[in-house]
Structure formats: C-alpha cells, structure tokens
Amino acid sequence: MFSPPCSCLRHSQPWVNAGRLLWEALSHAAIAAQTLRVLDELLVALMLVEILHTVRISIRSHVLVTEPFLVIGLIASIRRMLVISLELATLTKQGAWSTEGASLFRASMIELGLLGLLVLALVFSITLLRRYPIVAKEVKD
C-alpha cells in the first residue's frame, strides 16, 4: 500500500535534523574537550611555523628582527587565553561548585587578566615597531 509522505519538519528537511544533531553534540562537554585539544594543537603548529619562518629570515639577512618574535608571543598568549576559556567553560558546565573549583576559577580569571594586559603590550610594541622602523647602520671596515 501507498503511505503518504510524512509532513513533520524533521523528515521533510534533512538539514534540520543535522543541525539538531550538531547542536546536541556541541552542547556536550566531550566535544568541548575535543575542540580544546584540536585548537591547542593547531595554535602550537602555527607557533612552530612562525618560529621556523623567523629563524629562516634571521639566518638569511644576518639581522635579528624583533617583530616576528613579538608575533609569536602574541599567538602564544592568545592560545593560552583560548585554552583557559574553554577549560573554564567545561568547569562551569558541570554545575556543582566546590572550593577547589572556585579557587581554580579565581586563579584562571587573574591569569586571563594578566594575559589580556600582555596582549595589549605586545600589540602596542608591534604597532610602534611598524610605525617607527629601526634603520640598520652599516659598519665600515
């Protein structure tokens, strides 16, 4: 026999079902932990590439350039801020606060504040270096 097609929204549009599955997966802490690990590894790889690029430039030009090292510090600081934020998200998602959790939260907030100041200082330093570049003087023998 012929059965009429289902008129419910779940069966008529597969993207709605996929969206719901994605939302449910993102709402669990296991996905947050995986995201944290993947993001951490990607940012470490980005830092390593930037370090290798900086060393290559320094070896070719025989001059130690400071700006790439400041960029590496900026990437590392932002990476740590993202890792702390995701760790705190999983901590607060558990719901039950213990004294250990509260002290960890407080210490993480202090660290985030200090990292924010460090990011501002690094951005200010990079801006100054780009605005007022250092001109190398040639040494005569």
Foldseek 3Di string as FASTA:
>chain_A
DDDDDDPDPCVVDVVVVVVVVVVVLVLDLVVLVVVLVVLLVVLVVVLVVLVVVQVVVCVVVVDRDCLSVLVSVLSVLVNVLVNLVSVVVSLVSVPDDDPVSVVSVVVSVVSNVVSVVSNVVSVVVNVVCVVDPDDDDDDDD
